[in-house]
Amino acid sequence: MKIAFLIGVSNYLSQNNLPACKNDVEAITDIVKNVANYDEVITFSDKTSSSDILPMLADFVGKYKNETIDELFFYFSGHGLYDEN
């Protein structure tokens, strides 16, 4: 089984918005759905706050906890943070 979880965060409350991230994740979604033959693809590009995504991620992981997963593709486009530690 091959599954993909894709997130593109364009809108932020406390940082500069990144409008291209929604386009990035939509392009990756098209590739994954049309080329890579994944069994399930979950994409977030509109409601992308942690309160929206965390429950869906928990459900997604729980759904497959007793399954053999051959490949998990996780994609994130958005702001990041560098921490030396």
PDB file of N, CA and C in Angstrom:
ATOM      1  N   MET A   1       0.843  -1.170   0.000  1.00  0.00           N
ATOM      2  CA  MET A   1       0.000   0.000   0.000  1.00  0.00           C
ATOM      3  C   MET A   1       0.894   1.240   0.000  1.00  0.00           C
ATOM      4  N   LYS A   2       0.486   2.228  -0.783  1.00  0.00           N
ATOM      5  CA  LYS A   2       1.195   3.500  -0.870  1.00  0.00           C
ATOM      6  C   LYS A   2       0.220   4.617  -0.523  1.00  0.00           C
ATOM      7  N   ILE A   3       0.611   5.459   0.440  1.00  0.00           N
ATOM      8  CA  ILE A   3      -0.244   6.560   0.839  1.00  0.00           C
ATOM      9  C   ILE A   3       0.552   7.870   0.849  1.00  0.00           C
ATOM     10  N   ALA A   4      -0.164   8.984   0.676  1.00  0.00           N
ATOM     11  CA  ALA A   4       0.480  10.297   0.631  1.00  0.00           C
ATOM     12  C   ALA A   4      -0.325  11.294   1.453  1.00  0.00           C
ATOM     13  N   PHE A   5       0.396  12.148   2.180  1.00  0.00           N
ATOM     14  CA  PHE A   5      -0.190  13.201   2.992  1.00  0.00           C
ATOM     15  C   PHE A   5       0.507  14.491   2.607  1.00  0.00           C
ATOM     16  N   LEU A   6      -0.215  15.426   1.997  1.00  0.00           N
ATOM     17  CA  LEU A   6       0.378  16.610   1.385  1.00  0.00           C
ATOM     18  C   LEU A   6      -0.203  17.890   1.994  1.00  0.00           C
ATOM     19  N   ILE A   7       0.678  18.821   2.383  1.00  0.00           N
ATOM     20  CA  ILE A   7       0.238  20.056   3.031  1.00  0.00           C
ATOM     21  C   ILE A   7       0.903  21.254   2.355  1.00  0.00           C
ATOM     22  N   GLY A   8       0.105  22.248   2.004  1.00  0.00           N
ATOM     23  CA  GLY A   8       0.621  23.502   1.472  1.00  0.00           C
ATOM     24  C   GLY A   8       0.008  24.657   2.240  1.00  0.00           C
ATOM     25  N   VAL A   9       0.829  25.350   3.038  1.00  0.00           N
ATOM     26  CA  VAL A   9       0.330  26.442   3.879  1.00  0.00           C
ATOM     27  C   VAL A   9       0.708  27.774   3.255  1.00  0.00           C
ATOM     28  N   SER A  10      -0.281  28.499   2.770  1.00  0.00           N
ATOM     29  CA  SER A  10      -0.052  29.790   2.130  1.00  0.00           C
ATOM     30  C   SER A  10      -0.375  30.970   3.033  1.00  0.00           C
ATOM     31  N   ASN A  11      -1.337  30.792   3.935  1.00  0.00           N
ATOM     32  CA  ASN A  11      -1.813  31.909   4.755  1.00  0.00           C
ATOM     33  C   ASN A  11      -1.407  31.738   6.214  1.00  0.00           C
ATOM     34  N   TYR A  12      -0.832  32.805   6.755  1.00  0.00           N
ATOM     35  CA  TYR A  12      -0.342  32.797   8.132  1.00  0.00           C
ATOM     36  C   TYR A  12      -0.912  33.995   8.880  1.00  0.00           C
ATOM     37  N   LEU A  13      -1.080  33.849  10.187  1.00  0.00           N
ATOM     38  CA  LEU A  13      -1.537  34.954  11.026  1.00  0.00           C
ATOM     39  C   LEU A  13      -0.367  35.801  11.521  1.00  0.00           C
ATOM     40  N   SER A  14       0.777  35.160  11.799  1.00  0.00           N
ATOM     41  CA  SER A  14       1.875  35.887  12.438  1.00  0.00           C
ATOM     42  C   SER A  14       3.139  35.982  11.576  1.00  0.00           C
ATOM     43  N   GLN A  15       3.082  35.507  10.340  1.00  0.00           N
ATOM     44  CA  GLN A  15       4.224  35.580   9.434  1.00  0.00           C
ATOM     45  C   GLN A  15       3.725  36.021   8.061  1.00  0.00           C
ATOM     46  N   ASN A  16       4.668  36.294   7.175  1.00  0.00           N
ATOM     47  CA  ASN A  16       4.287  36.677   5.816  1.00  0.00           C
ATOM     48  C   ASN A  16       3.595  35.505   5.125  1.00  0.00           C
ATOM     49  N   ASN A  17       2.549  35.816   4.362  1.00  0.00           N
ATOM     50  CA  ASN A  17       1.874  34.782   3.580  1.00  0.00           C
ATOM     51  C   ASN A  17       2.791  34.302   2.456  1.00  0.00           C
ATOM     52  N   LEU A  18       2.590  33.054   2.068  1.00  0.00           N
ATOM     53  CA  LEU A  18       3.362  32.440   0.985  1.00  0.00           C
ATOM     54  C   LEU A  18       2.385  31.902  -0.061  1.00  0.00           C
ATOM     55  N   PRO A  19       1.866  32.756  -0.950  1.00  0.00           N
ATOM     56  CA  PRO A  19       0.816  32.340  -1.877  1.00  0.00           C
ATOM     57  C   PRO A  19       1.198  31.182  -2.792  1.00  0.00           C
ATOM     58  N   ALA A  20       2.471  31.015  -3.080  1.00  0.00           N
ATOM     59  CA  ALA A  20       2.890  29.945  -3.993  1.00  0.00           C
ATOM     60  C   ALA A  20       2.760  28.555  -3.376  1.00  0.00           C
ATOM     61  N   CYS A  21       2.699  28.460  -2.058  1.00  0.00           N
ATOM     62  CA  CYS A  21       2.650  27.134  -1.416  1.00  0.00           C
ATOM     63  C   CYS A  21       1.393  26.360  -1.783  1.00  0.00           C
ATOM     64  N   LYS A  22       0.273  27.038  -1.925  1.00  0.00           N
ATOM     65  CA  LYS A  22      -0.954  26.357  -2.352  1.00  0.00           C
ATOM     66  C   LYS A  22      -0.768  25.798  -3.760  1.00  0.00           C
ATOM     67  N   ASN A  23      -0.153  26.563  -4.640  1.00  0.00           N
ATOM     68  CA  ASN A  23       0.121  26.072  -5.997  1.00  0.00           C
ATOM     69  C   ASN A  23       1.086  24.891  -5.970  1.00  0.00           C
ATOM     70  N   ASP A  24       2.104  24.961  -5.103  1.00  0.00           N
ATOM     71  CA  ASP A  24       3.068  23.865  -4.982  1.00  0.00           C
ATOM     72  C   ASP A  24       2.380  22.560  -4.627  1.00  0.00           C
ATOM     73  N   VAL A  25       1.559  22.597  -3.585  1.00  0.00           N
ATOM     74  CA  VAL A  25       0.931  21.359  -3.126  1.00  0.00           C
ATOM     75  C   VAL A  25      -0.090  20.854  -4.142  1.00  0.00           C
ATOM     76  N   GLU A  26      -0.745  21.747  -4.858  1.00  0.00           N
ATOM     77  CA  GLU A  26      -1.677  21.303  -5.897  1.00  0.00           C
ATOM     78  C   GLU A  26      -0.938  20.629  -7.052  1.00  0.00           C
ATOM     79  N   ALA A  27       0.234  21.143  -7.408  1.00  0.00           N
ATOM     80  CA  ALA A  27       1.039  20.508  -8.464  1.00  0.00           C
ATOM     81  C   ALA A  27       1.531  19.143  -8.024  1.00  0.00           C
ATOM     82  N   ILE A  28       1.995  19.032  -6.787  1.00  0.00           N
ATOM     83  CA  ILE A  28       2.459  17.738  -6.269  1.00  0.00           C
ATOM     84  C   ILE A  28       1.292  16.759  -6.188  1.00  0.00           C
ATOM     85  N   THR A  29       0.127  17.244  -5.790  1.00  0.00           N
ATOM     86  CA  THR A  29      -1.069  16.381  -5.741  1.00  0.00           C
ATOM     87  C   THR A  29      -1.377  15.809  -7.118  1.00  0.00           C
ATOM     88  N   ASP A  30      -1.339  16.638  -8.147  1.00  0.00           N
ATOM     89  CA  ASP A  30      -1.588  16.157  -9.511  1.00  0.00           C
ATOM     90  C   ASP A  30      -0.586  15.082  -9.908  1.00  0.00           C
ATOM     91  N   ILE A  31       0.671  15.306  -9.591  1.00  0.00           N
ATOM     92  CA  ILE A  31       1.707  14.317  -9.932  1.00  0.00           C
ATOM     93  C   ILE A  31       1.457  13.008  -9.197  1.00  0.00           C
ATOM     94  N   VAL A  32       1.223  13.104  -7.894  1.00  0.00           N
ATOM     95  CA  VAL A  32       1.028  11.900  -7.087  1.00  0.00           C
ATOM     96  C   VAL A  32      -0.210  11.121  -7.546  1.00  0.00           C
ATOM     97  N   LYS A  33      -1.285  11.830  -7.840  1.00  0.00           N
ATOM     98  CA  LYS A  33      -2.519  11.152  -8.244  1.00  0.00           C
ATOM     99  C   LYS A  33      -2.431  10.561  -9.659  1.00  0.00           C
ATOM    100  N   ASN A  34      -1.700  11.225 -10.551  1.00  0.00           N
ATOM    101  CA  ASN A  34      -1.706  10.800 -11.951  1.00  0.00           C
ATOM    102  C   ASN A  34      -0.506   9.973 -12.377  1.00  0.00           C
ATOM    103  N   VAL A  35       0.541   9.962 -11.575  1.00  0.00           N
ATOM    104  CA  VAL A  35       1.755   9.273 -11.998  1.00  0.00           C
ATOM    105  C   VAL A  35       2.193   8.195 -11.014  1.00  0.00           C
ATOM    106  N   ALA A  36       2.063   8.458  -9.747  1.00  0.00           N
ATOM    107  CA  ALA A  36       2.706   7.609  -8.744  1.00  0.00           C
ATOM    108  C   ALA A  36       1.867   6.439  -8.244  1.00  0.00           C
ATOM    109  N   ASN A  37       0.605   6.337  -8.618  1.00  0.00           N
ATOM    110  CA  ASN A  37      -0.245   5.210  -8.240  1.00  0.00           C
ATOM    111  C   ASN A  37      -0.360   4.989  -6.742  1.00  0.00           C
ATOM    112  N   TYR A  38      -0.661   6.053  -6.004  1.00  0.00           N
ATOM    113  CA  TYR A  38      -0.874   5.926  -4.567  1.00  0.00           C
ATOM    114  C   TYR A  38      -2.298   5.441  -4.315  1.00  0.00           C
ATOM    115  N   ASP A  39      -2.459   4.653  -3.249  1.00  0.00           N
ATOM    116  CA  ASP A  39      -3.776   4.130  -2.896  1.00  0.00           C
ATOM    117  C   ASP A  39      -4.663   5.203  -2.277  1.00  0.00           C
ATOM    118  N   GLU A  40      -4.056   6.116  -1.524  1.00  0.00           N
ATOM    119  CA  GLU A  40      -4.819   7.228  -0.952  1.00  0.00           C
ATOM    120  C   GLU A  40      -3.929   8.459  -0.888  1.00  0.00           C
ATOM    121  N   VAL A  41      -4.538   9.597  -1.223  1.00  0.00           N
ATOM    122  CA  VAL A  41      -3.835  10.880  -1.185  1.00  0.00           C
ATOM    123  C   VAL A  41      -4.712  11.862  -0.418  1.00  0.00           C
ATOM    124  N   ILE A  42      -4.156  12.432   0.651  1.00  0.00           N
ATOM    125  CA  ILE A  42      -4.843  13.456   1.434  1.00  0.00           C
ATOM    126  C   ILE A  42      -4.094  14.763   1.222  1.00  0.00           C
ATOM    127  N   THR A  43      -4.805  15.819   0.809  1.00  0.00           N
ATOM    128  CA  THR A  43      -4.174  17.109   0.541  1.00  0.00           C
ATOM    129  C   THR A  43      -4.848  18.208   1.351  1.00  0.00           C
ATOM    130  N   PHE A  44      -4.028  19.048   1.975  1.00  0.00           N
ATOM    131  CA  PHE A  44      -4.504  20.238   2.682  1.00  0.00           C
ATOM    132  C   PHE A  44      -3.899  21.454   2.022  1.00  0.00           C
ATOM    133  N   SER A  45      -4.757  22.396   1.593  1.00  0.00           N
ATOM    134  CA  SER A  45      -4.249  23.640   1.024  1.00  0.00           C
ATOM    135  C   SER A  45      -5.114  24.841   1.396  1.00  0.00           C
ATOM    136  N   ASP A  46      -6.271  24.613   1.970  1.00  0.00           N
ATOM    137  CA  ASP A  46      -7.145  25.728   2.352  1.00  0.00           C
ATOM    138  C   ASP A  46      -7.172  25.902   3.865  1.00  0.00           C
ATOM    139  N   LYS A  47      -7.731  24.964   4.572  1.00  0.00           N
ATOM    140  CA  LYS A  47      -7.748  25.015   6.037  1.00  0.00           C
ATOM    141  C   LYS A  47      -6.486  24.322   6.534  1.00  0.00           C
ATOM    142  N   THR A  48      -5.498  25.128   6.896  1.00  0.00           N
ATOM    143  CA  THR A  48      -4.186  24.548   7.196  1.00  0.00           C
ATOM    144  C   THR A  48      -3.669  24.897   8.588  1.00  0.00           C
ATOM    145  N   SER A  49      -4.556  25.327   9.468  1.00  0.00           N
ATOM    146  CA  SER A  49      -4.103  25.569  10.839  1.00  0.00           C
ATOM    147  C   SER A  49      -3.876  24.213  11.511  1.00  0.00           C
ATOM    148  N   SER A  50      -3.077  24.206  12.553  1.00  0.00           N
ATOM    149  CA  SER A  50      -2.802  22.941  13.238  1.00  0.00           C
ATOM    150  C   SER A  50      -4.089  22.338  13.799  1.00  0.00           C
ATOM    151  N   SER A  51      -5.040  23.171  14.212  1.00  0.00           N
ATOM    152  CA  SER A  51      -6.307  22.636  14.734  1.00  0.00           C
ATOM    153  C   SER A  51      -7.131  21.955  13.646  1.00  0.00           C
ATOM    154  N   ASP A  52      -6.900  22.304  12.385  1.00  0.00           N
ATOM    155  CA  ASP A  52      -7.580  21.641  11.266  1.00  0.00           C
ATOM    156  C   ASP A  52      -6.847  20.353  10.858  1.00  0.00           C
ATOM    157  N   ILE A  53      -5.520  20.420  10.841  1.00  0.00           N
ATOM    158  CA  ILE A  53      -4.729  19.319  10.294  1.00  0.00           C
ATOM    159  C   ILE A  53      -4.493  18.187  11.290  1.00  0.00           C
ATOM    160  N   LEU A  54      -4.218  18.509  12.543  1.00  0.00           N
ATOM    161  CA  LEU A  54      -3.867  17.457  13.508  1.00  0.00           C
ATOM    162  C   LEU A  54      -4.924  16.365  13.659  1.00  0.00           C
ATOM    163  N   PRO A  55      -6.208  16.685  13.776  1.00  0.00           N
ATOM    164  CA  PRO A  55      -7.201  15.612  13.865  1.00  0.00           C
ATOM    165  C   PRO A  55      -7.242  14.742  12.603  1.00  0.00           C
ATOM    166  N   MET A  56      -7.095  15.369  11.448  1.00  0.00           N
ATOM    167  CA  MET A  56      -7.093  14.600  10.199  1.00  0.00           C
ATOM    168  C   MET A  56      -5.860  13.713  10.095  1.00  0.00           C
ATOM    169  N   LEU A  57      -4.722  14.213  10.535  1.00  0.00           N
ATOM    170  CA  LEU A  57      -3.499  13.420  10.529  1.00  0.00           C
ATOM    171  C   LEU A  57      -3.641  12.239  11.486  1.00  0.00           C
ATOM    172  N   ALA A  58      -4.212  12.461  12.654  1.00  0.00           N
ATOM    173  CA  ALA A  58      -4.432  11.377  13.614  1.00  0.00           C
ATOM    174  C   ALA A  58      -5.373  10.320  13.032  1.00  0.00           C
ATOM    175  N   ASP A  59      -6.446  10.743  12.390  1.00  0.00           N
ATOM    176  CA  ASP A  59      -7.375   9.802  11.747  1.00  0.00           C
ATOM    177  C   ASP A  59      -6.679   9.025  10.634  1.00  0.00           C
ATOM    178  N   PHE A  60      -5.878   9.728   9.851  1.00  0.00           N
ATOM    179  CA  PHE A  60      -5.150   9.123   8.735  1.00  0.00           C
ATOM    180  C   PHE A  60      -4.203   8.040   9.239  1.00  0.00           C
ATOM    181  N   VAL A  61      -3.443   8.360  10.296  1.00  0.00           N
ATOM    182  CA  VAL A  61      -2.504   7.385  10.868  1.00  0.00           C
ATOM    183  C   VAL A  61      -3.273   6.223  11.491  1.00  0.00           C
ATOM    184  N   GLY A  62      -4.337   6.533  12.228  1.00  0.00           N
ATOM    185  CA  GLY A  62      -5.131   5.485  12.864  1.00  0.00           C
ATOM    186  C   GLY A  62      -5.769   4.533  11.872  1.00  0.00           C
ATOM    187  N   LYS A  63      -6.159   5.052  10.744  1.00  0.00           N
ATOM    188  CA  LYS A  63      -6.795   4.230   9.707  1.00  0.00           C
ATOM    189  C   LYS A  63      -5.858   3.128   9.211  1.00  0.00           C
ATOM    190  N   TYR A  64      -4.556   3.415   9.206  1.00  0.00           N
ATOM    191  CA  TYR A  64      -3.585   2.476   8.645  1.00  0.00           C
ATOM    192  C   TYR A  64      -2.691   1.818   9.688  1.00  0.00           C
ATOM    193  N   LYS A  65      -3.023   1.927  10.991  1.00  0.00           N
ATOM    194  CA  LYS A  65      -2.118   1.424  12.021  1.00  0.00           C
ATOM    195  C   LYS A  65      -1.936  -0.092  11.974  1.00  0.00           C
ATOM    196  N   ASN A  66      -2.884  -0.841  11.454  1.00  0.00           N
ATOM    197  CA  ASN A  66      -2.759  -2.295  11.360  1.00  0.00           C
ATOM    198  C   ASN A  66      -2.489  -2.767   9.937  1.00  0.00           C
ATOM    199  N   GLU A  67      -2.161  -1.851   9.058  1.00  0.00           N
ATOM    200  CA  GLU A  67      -1.897  -2.172   7.657  1.00  0.00           C
ATOM    201  C   GLU A  67      -0.393  -2.189   7.386  1.00  0.00           C
ATOM    202  N   THR A  68      -0.012  -2.914   6.377  1.00  0.00           N
ATOM    203  CA  THR A  68       1.369  -2.872   5.906  1.00  0.00           C
ATOM    204  C   THR A  68       1.473  -1.728   4.907  1.00  0.00           C
ATOM    205  N   ILE A  69       2.276  -0.740   5.249  1.00  0.00           N
ATOM    206  CA  ILE A  69       2.456   0.411   4.374  1.00  0.00           C
ATOM    207  C   ILE A  69       3.831   0.302   3.728  1.00  0.00           C
ATOM    208  N   ASP A  70       3.832   0.175   2.418  1.00  0.00           N
ATOM    209  CA  ASP A  70       5.084   0.058   1.679  1.00  0.00           C
ATOM    210  C   ASP A  70       5.746   1.413   1.476  1.00  0.00           C
ATOM    211  N   GLU A  71       4.923   2.443   1.354  1.00  0.00           N
ATOM    212  CA  GLU A  71       5.479   3.769   1.112  1.00  0.00           C
ATOM    213  C   GLU A  71       4.538   4.827   1.659  1.00  0.00           C
ATOM    214  N   LEU A  72       5.121   5.781   2.399  1.00  0.00           N
ATOM    215  CA  LEU A  72       4.398   6.961   2.866  1.00  0.00           C
ATOM    216  C   LEU A  72       5.128   8.175   2.323  1.00  0.00           C
ATOM    217  N   PHE A  73       4.417   8.984   1.565  1.00  0.00           N
ATOM    218  CA  PHE A  73       4.984  10.208   1.025  1.00  0.00           C
ATOM    219  C   PHE A  73       4.368  11.363   1.783  1.00  0.00           C
ATOM    220  N   PHE A  74       5.213  12.142   2.479  1.00  0.00           N
ATOM    221  CA  PHE A  74       4.766  13.312   3.220  1.00  0.00           C
ATOM    222  C   PHE A  74       5.404  14.522   2.575  1.00  0.00           C
ATOM    223  N   TYR A  75       4.574  15.496   2.205  1.00  0.00           N
ATOM    224  CA  TYR A  75       5.063  16.699   1.545  1.00  0.00           C
ATOM    225  C   TYR A  75       4.544  17.915   2.293  1.00  0.00           C
ATOM    226  N   PHE A  76       5.434  18.886   2.545  1.00  0.00           N
ATOM    227  CA  PHE A  76       5.052  20.130   3.197  1.00  0.00           C
ATOM    228  C   PHE A  76       5.666  21.290   2.440  1.00  0.00           C
ATOM    229  N   SER A  77       4.841  22.290   2.144  1.00  0.00           N
ATOM    230  CA  SER A  77       5.316  23.540   1.563  1.00  0.00           C
ATOM    231  C   SER A  77       4.778  24.668   2.433  1.00  0.00           C
ATOM    232  N   GLY A  78       5.701  25.463   3.004  1.00  0.00           N
ATOM    233  CA  GLY A  78       5.304  26.546   3.879  1.00  0.00           C
ATOM    234  C   GLY A  78       6.520  27.050   4.632  1.00  0.00           C
ATOM    235  N   HIS A  79       6.273  27.900   5.624  1.00  0.00           N
ATOM    236  CA  HIS A  79       7.371  28.413   6.445  1.00  0.00           C
ATOM    237  C   HIS A  79       7.977  27.281   7.253  1.00  0.00           C
ATOM    238  N   GLY A  80       9.253  27.390   7.509  1.00  0.00           N
ATOM    239  CA  GLY A  80       9.948  26.441   8.365  1.00  0.00           C
ATOM    240  C   GLY A  80      10.714  27.182   9.442  1.00  0.00           C
ATOM    241  N   LEU A  81      11.367  26.451  10.277  1.00  0.00           N
ATOM    242  CA  LEU A  81      12.138  27.032  11.365  1.00  0.00           C
ATOM    243  C   LEU A  81      13.434  26.250  11.499  1.00  0.00           C
ATOM    244  N   TYR A  82      14.531  26.951  11.558  1.00  0.00           N
ATOM    245  CA  TYR A  82      15.827  26.316  11.764  1.00  0.00           C
ATOM    246  C   TYR A  82      16.208  26.456  13.237  1.00  0.00           C
ATOM    247  N   ASP A  83      16.544  25.353  13.849  1.00  0.00           N
ATOM    248  CA  ASP A  83      16.977  25.332  15.241  1.00  0.00           C
ATOM    249  C   ASP A  83      18.278  24.557  15.289  1.00  0.00           C
ATOM    250  N   GLU A  84      19.325  25.178  15.783  1.00  0.00           N
ATOM    251  CA  GLU A  84      20.630  24.541  15.796  1.00  0.00           C
ATOM    252  C   GLU A  84      20.633  23.208  16.522  1.00  0.00           C
ATOM    253  N   ASN A  85      19.728  23.026  17.446  1.00  0.00           N
ATOM    254  CA  ASN A  85      19.670  21.776  18.191  1.00  0.00           C
ATOM    255  C   ASN A  85      18.782  20.757  17.507  1.00  0.00           C
TER     256      ASN A  85
END
